Amino acid sequence: MNVAALYDVHGMPWALEAVLAEVKADVVVFGGDLGGGPYDEETLALARSVDATWIRGNTEDDALPLAVQLDGVTYCHATPGDNTPITTAITPDDDLVAMFGLSGTFVIGHTHHQFDRRVGELRVINAGSIGMAYESDVAAYWTLVEDGEPRFMRTPFDIPYAVERVRASEWPGREEFIAENLLVAVERDEAIAHFEAQR
């Protein structure tokens, strides 16, 4: 089974549209935080046009499940029981085990950078962020899980158009988002250090 793990779109429908044009998978999983950005309604409408499985991020309605299991892999926004804990590429192994247990494969999001961590029989994979990536590069990041194995994906989108549309929005955070996430890339190492300081 091939699963497209699409996480953390954050109200950026042009980034999601670019990704969906590339997706060839048996199942699409929206891994939370579709909203929380400049064009939430448009993003949700685009997501609803796709036959997909949805899970709850920290910006979503409580009606959505916190986790789903497909083909032996658990998909959740942060952890299976809570959509807010922080996990990064450098989170200590003991903390990973405390959050996820001793075994299993988990695909998460929430911290907007891709990684693949193993601690014994435990594997934690971050799918990345489509609309607000912290990867030292402005693009949409997502993961294709092929028979349980992740393949990290990077999809370019029309950044000048996104800047124009975000600037035209009424979203209160538009100018800061443009300056810090579109005109320049968020540095991966700085973001990781920031998240680890918040854990």
Protein backbone atom coordinates (compact mmCIF):
# COMPACT_ATOMS: atom_id res chain seq x y z
CA MET A 1 0.00 0.00 0.00
CA ASN A 2 1.21 3.51 -0.85
CA VAL A 3 0.08 6.31 1.48
CA ALA A 4 0.56 10.02 0.81
CA ALA A 5 1.08 11.71 4.18
CA LEU A 6 0.11 15.36 3.76
CA TYR A 7 0.64 17.38 6.92
CA ASP A 8 0.64 21.00 8.13
CA VAL A 9 -0.78 22.83 5.10
CA HIS A 10 -1.63 25.87 7.25
CA GLY A 11 -4.02 27.58 4.89
CA MET A 12 -1.77 27.52 1.82
CA PRO A 13 -3.99 26.10 -0.97
CA TRP A 14 -1.45 26.75 -3.77
CA ALA A 15 1.12 24.58 -2.04
CA LEU A 16 -1.47 21.83 -1.48
CA GLU A 17 -2.66 22.07 -5.09
CA ALA A 18 0.91 21.58 -6.34
CA VAL A 19 1.33 18.51 -4.12
CA LEU A 20 -1.99 16.97 -5.10
CA ALA A 21 -0.99 17.26 -8.77
CA GLU A 22 1.98 14.97 -7.96
CA VAL A 23 0.31 12.50 -5.60
CA LYS A 24 -0.11 8.97 -6.89
CA ALA A 25 -1.08 6.85 -3.91
CA ASP A 26 -3.63 4.30 -2.76
CA VAL A 27 -4.57 6.43 0.24
CA VAL A 28 -4.19 10.12 1.13
CA VAL A 29 -3.88 11.04 4.80
CA PHE A 30 -4.35 14.64 5.88
CA GLY A 31 -2.28 14.69 9.03
CA GLY A 32 -3.66 17.78 10.73
CA ASP A 33 -3.29 21.56 10.67
CA LEU A 34 -4.88 22.10 7.30
CA GLY A 35 -5.89 25.50 8.64
CA GLY A 36 -4.10 28.11 10.69
CA GLY A 37 -2.96 30.29 7.80
CA PRO A 38 -4.07 32.87 5.26
CA TYR A 39 -6.67 30.90 3.26
CA ASP A 40 -8.19 28.27 5.54
CA GLU A 41 -11.57 27.98 3.80
CA GLU A 42 -10.04 27.56 0.34
CA THR A 43 -7.59 25.00 1.70
CA LEU A 44 -10.35 22.99 3.39
CA ALA A 45 -12.45 23.06 0.22
CA LEU A 46 -9.51 21.73 -1.80
CA ALA A 47 -8.82 19.01 0.76
CA ARG A 48 -12.49 17.98 0.78
CA SER A 49 -12.32 17.45 -2.99
CA VAL A 50 -9.98 14.51 -2.33
CA ASP A 51 -11.01 11.07 -1.08
CA ALA A 52 -8.86 11.03 2.04
CA THR A 53 -8.46 9.96 5.66
CA TRP A 54 -8.27 12.87 8.11
CA ILE A 55 -6.69 13.13 11.55
CA ARG A 56 -6.77 15.95 14.04
CA GLY A 57 -3.99 18.51 14.35
CA ASN A 58 -3.82 21.18 17.00
CA THR A 59 -5.91 23.54 14.81
CA GLU A 60 -8.67 21.01 14.04
CA ASP A 61 -12.15 20.15 15.29
CA ASP A 62 -12.40 17.63 18.13
CA ALA A 63 -14.61 15.38 15.95
CA LEU A 64 -11.59 14.10 14.03
CA PRO A 65 -9.58 11.14 15.39
CA LEU A 66 -6.14 11.72 16.91
CA ALA A 67 -4.65 8.75 15.06
CA VAL A 68 -5.34 6.16 12.37
CA GLN A 69 -3.52 2.96 11.52
CA LEU A 70 -2.94 1.92 7.92
CA ASP A 71 -0.91 -1.05 6.77
CA GLY A 72 0.76 -1.38 10.19
CA VAL A 73 1.77 2.30 10.40
CA THR A 74 0.20 4.75 12.86
CA TYR A 75 -0.50 8.26 11.52
CA CYS A 76 -0.94 11.03 14.09
CA HIS A 77 -0.23 14.74 14.27
CA ALA A 78 2.13 14.71 17.26
CA THR A 79 1.57 11.50 19.27
CA PRO A 80 -1.30 8.96 19.14
CA GLY A 81 -2.87 10.33 22.29
CA ASP A 82 -2.11 14.07 22.13
CA ASN A 83 -1.77 16.48 19.21
CA THR A 84 0.61 18.90 20.92
CA PRO A 85 3.86 17.18 22.13
CA ILE A 86 7.03 18.26 20.34
CA THR A 87 9.35 15.81 18.58
CA THR A 88 12.31 16.91 16.47
CA ALA A 89 15.20 15.39 14.59
CA ILE A 90 17.32 15.64 17.75
CA THR A 91 14.85 14.77 20.52
CA PRO A 92 16.63 12.37 22.91
CA ASP A 93 15.93 8.67 22.36
CA ASP A 94 14.56 8.19 25.87
CA ASP A 95 12.01 10.93 25.27
CA LEU A 96 10.92 9.32 22.01
CA VAL A 97 10.31 6.05 23.80
CA ALA A 98 8.41 7.84 26.58
CA MET A 99 6.08 9.43 24.01
CA PHE A 100 5.64 6.56 21.53
CA GLY A 101 6.54 3.33 23.33
CA LEU A 102 9.15 0.70 22.62
CA SER A 103 7.99 -0.37 19.16
CA GLY A 104 5.93 0.53 16.12
CA THR A 105 6.14 2.92 13.20
CA PHE A 106 4.60 6.37 13.55
CA VAL A 107 4.21 9.13 10.96
CA ILE A 108 3.84 12.54 12.58
CA GLY A 109 3.99 16.23 11.69
CA HIS A 110 3.58 19.29 13.96
CA THR A 111 7.22 20.43 13.91
CA HIS A 112 7.41 21.08 10.15
CA HIS A 113 10.66 19.29 9.28
CA GLN A 114 11.23 15.84 7.85
CA PHE A 115 13.16 13.17 9.72
CA ASP A 116 13.32 9.41 10.19
CA ARG A 117 14.28 8.33 13.71
CA ARG A 118 14.86 4.78 14.98
CA VAL A 119 15.27 3.61 18.55
CA GLY A 120 15.39 -0.17 18.64
CA GLU A 121 12.01 -1.38 17.33
CA LEU A 122 10.54 2.15 17.41
CA ARG A 123 10.48 4.32 14.28
CA VAL A 124 9.23 7.91 14.21
CA ILE A 125 8.94 9.67 10.85
CA ASN A 126 8.06 13.32 10.37
CA ALA A 127 6.23 13.85 7.06
CA GLY A 128 7.20 17.52 6.81
CA SER A 129 4.99 20.55 6.17
CA ILE A 130 3.26 21.46 2.92
CA GLY A 131 2.49 25.09 3.71
CA MET A 132 5.00 26.19 6.34
CA ALA A 133 8.15 24.11 5.96
CA TYR A 134 11.16 24.59 8.22
CA GLU A 135 13.65 23.04 5.82
CA SER A 136 16.03 25.90 4.83
CA ASP A 137 14.15 25.98 1.52
CA VAL A 138 10.74 27.33 0.47
CA ALA A 139 8.73 24.42 -0.98
CA ALA A 140 6.03 21.95 0.02
CA TYR A 141 7.33 18.90 1.91
CA TRP A 142 5.40 15.65 2.30
CA THR A 143 6.03 11.93 2.52
CA LEU A 144 5.02 8.93 0.44
CA VAL A 145 4.93 5.80 2.58
CA GLU A 146 5.43 2.80 0.30
CA ASP A 147 4.70 -0.52 2.03
CA GLY A 148 5.73 1.02 5.34
CA GLU A 149 8.89 2.71 4.04
CA PRO A 150 8.98 6.52 3.81
CA ARG A 151 10.09 8.43 0.75
CA PHE A 152 10.54 12.11 1.51
CA MET A 153 9.10 14.40 -1.15
CA ARG A 154 9.67 18.05 -2.02
CA THR A 155 7.26 19.86 -4.34
CA PRO A 156 7.90 23.40 -5.63
CA PHE A 157 5.01 25.85 -5.86
CA ASP A 158 4.57 29.34 -7.33
CA ILE A 159 6.11 31.47 -4.58
CA PRO A 160 5.58 34.92 -6.21
CA TYR A 161 1.89 34.07 -6.67
CA ALA A 162 1.63 32.86 -3.07
CA VAL A 163 3.22 36.12 -1.86
CA GLU A 164 0.72 38.13 -3.92
CA ARG A 165 -2.27 36.17 -2.64
CA VAL A 166 -1.18 36.18 1.01
CA ARG A 167 -0.57 39.93 0.81
CA ALA A 168 -4.10 40.38 -0.56
CA SER A 169 -5.63 38.40 2.31
CA GLU A 170 -7.08 39.79 5.52
CA TRP A 171 -5.05 37.37 7.63
CA PRO A 172 -3.48 39.30 10.54
CA GLY A 173 -0.14 37.46 10.25
CA ARG A 174 0.27 37.96 6.50
CA GLU A 175 3.26 40.32 6.38
CA GLU A 176 5.25 38.41 8.99
CA PHE A 177 4.51 35.11 7.23
CA ILE A 178 5.59 36.51 3.85
CA ALA A 179 8.80 37.93 5.29
CA GLU A 180 9.76 34.86 7.31
CA ASN A 181 8.36 31.90 5.33
CA LEU A 182 8.03 32.87 1.67
CA LEU A 183 10.60 35.52 0.80
CA VAL A 184 13.20 33.64 2.85
CA ALA A 185 13.28 30.08 4.12
CA VAL A 186 13.11 29.16 7.78
CA GLU A 187 16.46 27.60 8.68
CA ARG A 188 16.00 23.98 9.66
CA ASP A 189 18.61 23.92 12.45
CA GLU A 190 17.27 27.13 14.01
CA ALA A 191 13.73 25.75 13.99
CA ILE A 192 14.85 22.49 15.59
CA ALA A 193 16.71 24.37 18.33
CA HIS A 194 13.64 26.55 18.93
CA PHE A 195 11.33 23.54 19.25
CA GLU A 196 13.71 21.66 21.53
CA ALA A 197 13.87 24.69 23.83
CA GLN A 198 10.05 24.51 24.12
CA ARG A 199 9.82 20.81 24.96
